[in-house]
Amino acid sequence: MDEVAYAREELDKKLGADPQAMYADTMREEKVINILSQINPDSLLTDIEHRIRGEKKDPTTGGWVKISRNGKEVSEELVSTFISFLGAILNQNTSMSNFSEGEINNLMEMIIDWVKSDLVVNADEYGIEGDYTEYDRICHIVCATCFTVFKRAQGGRESSRIFKMMRMSENLNPQKKSKLAEAFKFW
């Protein structure tokens, strides 16, 4: 056994018996899993879908509850059109990309143009004709979410941060099967 392997083995023995090291290792993994759950494309789309429907997340139950909108129901056509459009944008490729500021601006301009056009052209079909506050509400939901995803991907920061945490976790404990592999299943 060479010196590096021996040193690693000795360190593993010490860390394996140290409850603080095990706790720190677990906390690192939990942090990465939390970040991955936040950028999970399915979670983002589900969140947007419920918000467009006029629902909010109940912090105690974790379920979605309707916010009173004067008895108005949001058109299923509107919801499905927007979720379909956003599904092409809010995906793992976007989250793990390396966007420049100019690229983000171009993407946001494209999204804003599409949202405006779709809401104006299909307002009658969606049942929101002349309801400019509803136009704004939907536009803000879509644009804020997209912008946040793009900013996290600016300069490749999101992917860099995740892969750095994964390498650190693997380097500290290479024998242990990481929970991170489970968290990456949606990718």
Protein backbone atom coordinates (compact mmCIF):
# COMPACT_ATOMS: atom_id res chain seq x y z
CA MET A 1 0.00 0.00 0.00
CA ASP A 2 1.45 3.38 -0.96
CA GLU A 3 1.60 6.40 1.34
CA VAL A 4 -1.44 8.17 -0.15
CA ALA A 5 -3.66 5.10 0.17
CA TYR A 6 -2.44 4.51 3.72
CA ALA A 7 -3.08 8.16 4.68
CA ARG A 8 -6.56 8.04 3.16
CA GLU A 9 -7.35 4.80 5.01
CA GLU A 10 -6.20 6.31 8.31
CA LEU A 11 -8.24 9.46 7.69
CA ASP A 12 -11.30 7.36 6.83
CA LYS A 13 -10.93 5.47 10.10
CA LYS A 14 -10.70 8.71 12.09
CA LEU A 15 -13.60 10.36 10.25
CA GLY A 16 -15.71 7.22 10.42
CA ALA A 17 -15.49 7.25 14.21
CA ASP A 18 -15.96 11.02 14.58
CA PRO A 19 -19.65 11.95 14.96
CA GLN A 20 -18.96 15.58 14.03
CA ALA A 21 -17.34 14.54 10.73
CA MET A 22 -20.27 12.25 9.94
CA TYR A 23 -22.69 15.09 10.75
CA ALA A 24 -20.76 17.54 8.53
CA ASP A 25 -20.72 15.00 5.69
CA THR A 26 -24.48 14.46 6.02
CA MET A 27 -25.14 18.22 6.11
CA ARG A 28 -23.10 18.72 2.91
CA GLU A 29 -25.13 16.05 1.14
CA GLU A 30 -28.40 17.49 2.41
CA LYS A 31 -27.38 20.94 1.12
CA VAL A 32 -26.75 19.58 -2.38
CA ILE A 33 -29.98 17.56 -2.33
CA ASN A 34 -31.87 20.72 -1.29
CA ILE A 35 -30.35 22.71 -4.17
CA LEU A 36 -31.12 19.95 -6.64
CA SER A 37 -34.72 19.78 -5.48
CA GLN A 38 -35.05 23.53 -6.01
CA ILE A 39 -33.86 23.34 -9.60
CA ASN A 40 -35.69 20.14 -10.47
CA PRO A 41 -37.54 21.05 -13.69
CA ASP A 42 -40.61 19.03 -12.68
CA SER A 43 -40.86 20.92 -9.38
CA LEU A 44 -40.53 24.29 -11.11
CA LEU A 45 -43.23 23.47 -13.66
CA THR A 46 -45.57 22.11 -11.00
CA ASP A 47 -45.05 25.25 -8.93
CA ILE A 48 -45.76 27.51 -11.92
CA GLU A 49 -48.83 25.50 -12.89
CA HIS A 50 -50.37 25.88 -9.42
CA ARG A 51 -49.50 29.57 -9.24
CA ILE A 52 -51.07 30.26 -12.65
CA ARG A 53 -54.19 28.46 -11.40
CA GLY A 54 -54.25 30.93 -8.49
CA GLU A 55 -53.15 28.53 -5.77
CA LYS A 56 -50.61 28.88 -2.99
CA LYS A 57 -48.68 26.27 -1.06
CA ASP A 58 -49.94 25.59 2.45
CA PRO A 59 -46.84 25.56 4.69
CA THR A 60 -48.39 23.18 7.20
CA THR A 61 -49.69 20.50 4.83
CA GLY A 62 -47.43 21.09 1.83
CA GLY A 63 -50.52 20.94 -0.39
CA TRP A 64 -51.88 23.59 -2.71
CA VAL A 65 -54.91 25.70 -1.74
CA LYS A 66 -56.99 27.98 -3.92
CA ILE A 67 -56.69 31.71 -3.40
CA SER A 68 -60.01 33.49 -3.86
CA ARG A 69 -60.20 35.09 -7.30
CA ASN A 70 -63.84 36.24 -7.21
CA GLY A 71 -65.04 32.83 -8.36
CA LYS A 72 -63.12 32.95 -11.64
CA GLU A 73 -61.48 29.75 -12.81
CA VAL A 74 -58.30 29.89 -14.87
CA SER A 75 -58.65 28.37 -18.32
CA GLU A 76 -57.16 24.88 -18.68
CA GLU A 77 -56.10 25.89 -22.19
CA LEU A 78 -54.08 28.77 -20.73
CA VAL A 79 -52.44 26.51 -18.14
CA SER A 80 -51.53 23.77 -20.62
CA THR A 81 -50.21 26.24 -23.22
CA PHE A 82 -47.94 27.95 -20.71
CA ILE A 83 -46.70 24.72 -19.12
CA SER A 84 -45.94 23.33 -22.57
CA PHE A 85 -44.00 26.46 -23.52
CA LEU A 86 -42.11 26.60 -20.23
CA GLY A 87 -41.29 22.89 -20.34
CA ALA A 88 -39.05 23.61 -23.31
CA ILE A 89 -37.25 26.38 -21.40
CA LEU A 90 -37.15 25.29 -17.76
CA ASN A 91 -35.27 22.02 -18.04
CA GLN A 92 -32.03 20.54 -16.74
CA ASN A 93 -30.10 21.88 -19.73
CA THR A 94 -31.08 25.42 -18.80
CA SER A 95 -30.30 25.01 -15.09
CA MET A 96 -26.86 23.59 -15.76
CA SER A 97 -25.97 25.96 -18.64
CA ASN A 98 -23.37 28.69 -18.82
CA PHE A 99 -25.25 31.84 -19.90
CA SER A 100 -23.78 35.29 -20.41
CA GLU A 101 -25.67 38.41 -19.43
CA GLY A 102 -26.49 39.10 -23.09
CA GLU A 103 -27.85 35.59 -23.60
CA ILE A 104 -30.05 35.96 -20.52
CA ASN A 105 -31.38 39.29 -21.82
CA ASN A 106 -32.15 37.72 -25.22
CA LEU A 107 -33.92 34.75 -23.64
CA MET A 108 -35.97 37.03 -21.36
CA GLU A 109 -36.93 39.23 -24.32
CA MET A 110 -38.09 36.14 -26.23
CA ILE A 111 -40.15 34.93 -23.25
CA ILE A 112 -41.73 38.34 -22.64
CA ASP A 113 -42.64 38.70 -26.33
CA TRP A 114 -44.21 35.23 -26.41
CA VAL A 115 -46.16 35.76 -23.18
CA LYS A 116 -47.49 39.14 -24.34
CA SER A 117 -48.46 37.81 -27.76
CA ASP A 118 -50.10 34.68 -26.43
CA LEU A 119 -52.13 36.51 -23.78
CA VAL A 120 -53.33 39.17 -26.22
CA VAL A 121 -54.11 36.82 -29.12
CA ASN A 122 -55.81 34.17 -26.96
CA ALA A 123 -57.36 36.41 -24.29
CA ASP A 124 -60.92 35.66 -25.42
CA GLU A 125 -60.28 31.91 -25.52
CA TYR A 126 -58.65 32.07 -22.07
CA GLY A 127 -61.53 34.13 -20.67
CA ILE A 128 -59.29 37.03 -19.62
CA GLU A 129 -60.01 39.62 -22.31
CA GLY A 130 -59.46 43.11 -20.89
CA ASP A 131 -58.29 41.71 -17.53
CA TYR A 132 -54.92 43.43 -17.54
CA THR A 133 -54.14 42.55 -13.93
CA GLU A 134 -54.46 38.88 -14.89
CA TYR A 135 -52.08 39.46 -17.82
CA ASP A 136 -49.59 41.02 -15.42
CA ARG A 137 -50.01 38.28 -12.80
CA ILE A 138 -49.27 35.51 -15.30
CA CYS A 139 -46.41 37.43 -16.88
CA HIS A 140 -44.79 38.05 -13.49
CA ILE A 141 -45.06 34.38 -12.48
CA VAL A 142 -43.46 33.22 -15.73
CA CYS A 143 -40.80 35.91 -16.03
CA ALA A 144 -39.68 35.86 -12.40
CA THR A 145 -39.20 32.09 -12.45
CA CYS A 146 -37.38 32.05 -15.78
CA PHE A 147 -35.14 34.96 -14.81
CA THR A 148 -34.16 33.27 -11.54
CA VAL A 149 -33.25 30.05 -13.34
CA PHE A 150 -31.21 31.97 -15.91
CA LYS A 151 -29.37 34.00 -13.26
CA ARG A 152 -28.45 30.82 -11.39
CA ALA A 153 -27.01 29.48 -14.65
CA GLN A 154 -25.14 32.71 -15.44
CA GLY A 155 -21.46 31.95 -15.88
CA GLY A 156 -22.11 28.27 -15.13
CA ARG A 157 -22.32 29.01 -11.40
CA GLU A 158 -25.07 26.52 -10.63
CA SER A 159 -23.43 23.54 -12.32
CA SER A 160 -20.02 24.51 -10.97
CA ARG A 161 -21.33 24.75 -7.41
CA ILE A 162 -23.15 21.42 -7.60
CA PHE A 163 -20.27 19.51 -9.13
CA LYS A 164 -17.84 21.06 -6.65
CA MET A 165 -19.99 19.87 -3.74
CA MET A 166 -20.28 16.42 -5.29
CA ARG A 167 -16.51 16.12 -5.74
CA MET A 168 -15.94 17.25 -2.17
CA SER A 169 -18.38 14.66 -0.88
CA GLU A 170 -16.82 11.90 -2.99
CA ASN A 171 -13.29 12.88 -1.98
CA LEU A 172 -14.14 12.84 1.71
CA ASN A 173 -15.80 9.47 1.61
CA PRO A 174 -15.22 7.56 -1.65
CA GLN A 175 -16.46 4.17 -0.36
CA LYS A 176 -19.82 5.40 0.83
CA LYS A 177 -22.64 5.32 -1.70
CA SER A 178 -23.80 8.90 -1.87
CA LYS A 179 -27.40 10.04 -1.57
CA LEU A 180 -26.50 12.53 -4.28
CA ALA A 181 -26.90 9.85 -6.93
CA GLU A 182 -30.53 9.51 -5.82
CA ALA A 183 -31.02 13.27 -5.95
CA PHE A 184 -29.73 13.39 -9.53
CA LYS A 185 -32.29 10.84 -10.75
CA PHE A 186 -34.44 13.50 -12.40
CA TRP A 187 -31.48 14.52 -14.57
